Amino acid sequence: MNDKATHTATGALRLILDGAMTIYNAVETKARLLEALENATILELDLSQVEEIDTAGFQLLILTKRESMKENKILRLVGHSPAVREMIGFYNMDAYFGDPLVIPADH
């Protein structure tokens, strides 16, 4: 998984994740997510380039959300890829993340 971080016009740190969020790279992904959260008051995770996500990857999103709440920080998930939309929908966790999830009209 490759990622890159930029700052948005609103001051949020935007971390763009791409590739796979799976058990095979969970340790690395966890470190990147927690480091980004540590360095931000508002963290936006751009998930538009995530091609594959399994339960381990989804658990990392939950962990990041939980840690953001514990530290009184804001976490936003943006740009949900089809794989991410499917996983969030499968577990019915849309409300937990609190971000608007745009689902195309053909679904």
C-alpha atoms as a PDB file:
ATOM      1  CA  MET A   1       0.000   0.000   0.000  1.00  0.00           C
ATOM      2  CA  ASN A   2       1.216   3.440  -0.893  1.00  0.00           C
ATOM      3  CA  ASP A   3      -0.115   6.554   0.708  1.00  0.00           C
ATOM      4  CA  LYS A   4       0.499  10.245   0.636  1.00  0.00           C
ATOM      5  CA  ALA A   5      -0.479  13.006   3.000  1.00  0.00           C
ATOM      6  CA  THR A   6      -1.374  16.574   2.139  1.00  0.00           C
ATOM      7  CA  HIS A   7      -3.062  19.433   3.934  1.00  0.00           C
ATOM      8  CA  THR A   8      -6.444  20.667   2.741  1.00  0.00           C
ATOM      9  CA  ALA A   9      -7.546  24.298   2.488  1.00  0.00           C
ATOM     10  CA  THR A  10      -9.481  23.811   5.741  1.00  0.00           C
ATOM     11  CA  GLY A  11      -6.364  22.700   7.606  1.00  0.00           C
ATOM     12  CA  ALA A  12      -7.169  18.998   7.743  1.00  0.00           C
ATOM     13  CA  LEU A  13      -4.481  16.433   7.118  1.00  0.00           C
ATOM     14  CA  ARG A  14      -5.634  14.306   4.177  1.00  0.00           C
ATOM     15  CA  LEU A  15      -4.133  10.844   3.947  1.00  0.00           C
ATOM     16  CA  ILE A  16      -4.737   9.167   0.598  1.00  0.00           C
ATOM     17  CA  LEU A  17      -4.619   5.392   0.924  1.00  0.00           C
ATOM     18  CA  ASP A  18      -4.340   3.213  -2.143  1.00  0.00           C
ATOM     19  CA  GLY A  19      -4.033  -0.428  -3.025  1.00  0.00           C
ATOM     20  CA  ALA A  20      -5.128  -3.019  -0.498  1.00  0.00           C
ATOM     21  CA  MET A  21      -6.105  -2.706   3.145  1.00  0.00           C
ATOM     22  CA  THR A  22      -5.772  -6.336   4.104  1.00  0.00           C
ATOM     23  CA  ILE A  23      -4.308  -8.639   6.722  1.00  0.00           C
ATOM     24  CA  TYR A  24      -1.133  -8.782   4.638  1.00  0.00           C
ATOM     25  CA  ASN A  25      -0.295  -5.119   5.258  1.00  0.00           C
ATOM     26  CA  ALA A  26      -2.264  -4.465   8.461  1.00  0.00           C
ATOM     27  CA  VAL A  27       0.774  -3.757  10.643  1.00  0.00           C
ATOM     28  CA  GLU A  28       2.135  -1.150   8.227  1.00  0.00           C
ATOM     29  CA  THR A  29      -1.288   0.396   7.633  1.00  0.00           C
ATOM     30  CA  LYS A  30      -1.987   0.620  11.374  1.00  0.00           C
ATOM     31  CA  ALA A  31       1.277   2.482  11.923  1.00  0.00           C
ATOM     32  CA  ARG A  32       0.503   4.933   9.094  1.00  0.00           C
ATOM     33  CA  LEU A  33      -3.025   5.594  10.331  1.00  0.00           C
ATOM     34  CA  LEU A  34      -2.017   6.162  13.959  1.00  0.00           C
ATOM     35  CA  GLU A  35       0.933   8.352  12.962  1.00  0.00           C
ATOM     36  CA  ALA A  36      -1.323  10.483  10.753  1.00  0.00           C
ATOM     37  CA  LEU A  37      -3.864  10.787  13.566  1.00  0.00           C
ATOM     38  CA  GLU A  38      -1.126  11.797  15.998  1.00  0.00           C
ATOM     39  CA  ASN A  39      -0.061  14.602  13.647  1.00  0.00           C
ATOM     40  CA  ALA A  40      -3.527  16.009  12.974  1.00  0.00           C
ATOM     41  CA  THR A  41      -6.448  17.620  14.723  1.00  0.00           C
ATOM     42  CA  ILE A  42      -8.639  16.800  11.739  1.00  0.00           C
ATOM     43  CA  LEU A  43      -7.754  13.726   9.686  1.00  0.00           C
ATOM     44  CA  GLU A  44      -9.373  12.950   6.366  1.00  0.00           C
ATOM     45  CA  LEU A  45      -8.837   9.464   5.026  1.00  0.00           C
ATOM     46  CA  ASP A  46      -9.277   9.434   1.268  1.00  0.00           C
ATOM     47  CA  LEU A  47     -10.279   5.864   0.471  1.00  0.00           C
ATOM     48  CA  SER A  48     -11.054   6.367  -3.212  1.00  0.00           C
ATOM     49  CA  GLN A  49      -7.983   4.392  -4.317  1.00  0.00           C
ATOM     50  CA  VAL A  50      -8.470   1.397  -1.985  1.00  0.00           C
ATOM     51  CA  GLU A  51      -8.907  -1.542  -4.352  1.00  0.00           C
ATOM     52  CA  GLU A  52      -9.353  -4.244  -1.716  1.00  0.00           C
ATOM     53  CA  ILE A  53     -10.322  -4.232   1.947  1.00  0.00           C
ATOM     54  CA  ASP A  54     -10.860  -7.214   4.212  1.00  0.00           C
ATOM     55  CA  THR A  55     -11.986  -7.474   7.816  1.00  0.00           C
ATOM     56  CA  ALA A  56      -8.504  -6.591   9.104  1.00  0.00           C
ATOM     57  CA  GLY A  57      -8.494  -3.402   7.030  1.00  0.00           C
ATOM     58  CA  PHE A  58     -11.982  -2.549   8.204  1.00  0.00           C
ATOM     59  CA  GLN A  59     -10.940  -3.089  11.823  1.00  0.00           C
ATOM     60  CA  LEU A  60      -8.173  -0.533  11.261  1.00  0.00           C
ATOM     61  CA  LEU A  61     -10.761   2.032  10.181  1.00  0.00           C
ATOM     62  CA  ILE A  62     -12.723   1.303  13.362  1.00  0.00           C
ATOM     63  CA  LEU A  63      -9.539   1.566  15.448  1.00  0.00           C
ATOM     64  CA  THR A  64      -8.684   4.919  13.879  1.00  0.00           C
ATOM     65  CA  LYS A  65     -12.212   6.207  14.534  1.00  0.00           C
ATOM     66  CA  ARG A  66     -12.114   5.015  18.148  1.00  0.00           C
ATOM     67  CA  GLU A  67      -8.702   6.611  18.728  1.00  0.00           C
ATOM     68  CA  SER A  68      -9.838   9.892  17.153  1.00  0.00           C
ATOM     69  CA  MET A  69     -12.816  10.026  19.518  1.00  0.00           C
ATOM     70  CA  LYS A  70     -10.628   9.198  22.519  1.00  0.00           C
ATOM     71  CA  GLU A  71      -8.238  12.031  21.607  1.00  0.00           C
ATOM     72  CA  ASN A  72     -11.048  14.507  20.760  1.00  0.00           C
ATOM     73  CA  LYS A  73      -9.950  14.665  17.141  1.00  0.00           C
ATOM     74  CA  ILE A  74     -12.038  14.590  13.995  1.00  0.00           C
ATOM     75  CA  LEU A  75     -11.835  11.714  11.534  1.00  0.00           C
ATOM     76  CA  ARG A  76     -13.520  11.956   8.159  1.00  0.00           C
ATOM     77  CA  LEU A  77     -13.703   9.201   5.595  1.00  0.00           C
ATOM     78  CA  VAL A  78     -13.910  10.627   2.086  1.00  0.00           C
ATOM     79  CA  GLY A  79     -13.887   9.250  -1.438  1.00  0.00           C
ATOM     80  CA  HIS A  80     -15.151   5.780  -0.581  1.00  0.00           C
ATOM     81  CA  SER A  81     -14.080   3.257  -3.214  1.00  0.00           C
ATOM     82  CA  PRO A  82     -16.529   0.527  -4.277  1.00  0.00           C
ATOM     83  CA  ALA A  83     -14.681  -1.978  -2.067  1.00  0.00           C
ATOM     84  CA  VAL A  84     -14.930   0.328   0.954  1.00  0.00           C
ATOM     85  CA  ARG A  85     -18.615   1.084   0.301  1.00  0.00           C
ATOM     86  CA  GLU A  86     -19.314  -2.633   0.106  1.00  0.00           C
ATOM     87  CA  MET A  87     -17.498  -3.353   3.377  1.00  0.00           C
ATOM     88  CA  ILE A  88     -19.157  -0.493   5.283  1.00  0.00           C
ATOM     89  CA  GLY A  89     -22.535  -1.562   3.922  1.00  0.00           C
ATOM     90  CA  PHE A  90     -21.927  -5.221   4.757  1.00  0.00           C
ATOM     91  CA  TYR A  91     -21.306  -4.363   8.406  1.00  0.00           C
ATOM     92  CA  ASN A  92     -23.978  -1.625   8.406  1.00  0.00           C
ATOM     93  CA  MET A  93     -21.505   0.856   9.897  1.00  0.00           C
ATOM     94  CA  ASP A  94     -22.396   4.007   7.922  1.00  0.00           C
ATOM     95  CA  ALA A  95     -23.704   5.835  10.998  1.00  0.00           C
ATOM     96  CA  TYR A  96     -20.694   4.853  13.134  1.00  0.00           C
ATOM     97  CA  PHE A  97     -18.296   6.750  10.925  1.00  0.00           C
ATOM     98  CA  GLY A  98     -20.702   9.673  10.669  1.00  0.00           C
ATOM     99  CA  ASP A  99     -19.581  10.694   7.206  1.00  0.00           C
ATOM    100  CA  PRO A 100     -21.779  11.032   4.179  1.00  0.00           C
ATOM    101  CA  LEU A 101     -21.513   7.978   2.032  1.00  0.00           C
ATOM    102  CA  VAL A 102     -22.418   8.630  -1.555  1.00  0.00           C
ATOM    103  CA  ILE A 103     -23.842   5.552  -3.237  1.00  0.00           C
ATOM    104  CA  PRO A 104     -24.312   5.684  -6.998  1.00  0.00           C
ATOM    105  CA  ALA A 105     -27.890   5.619  -8.282  1.00  0.00           C
ATOM    106  CA  ASP A 106     -27.399   2.265 -10.006  1.00  0.00           C
ATOM    107  CA  HIS A 107     -27.057   0.431  -6.641  1.00  0.00           C
END
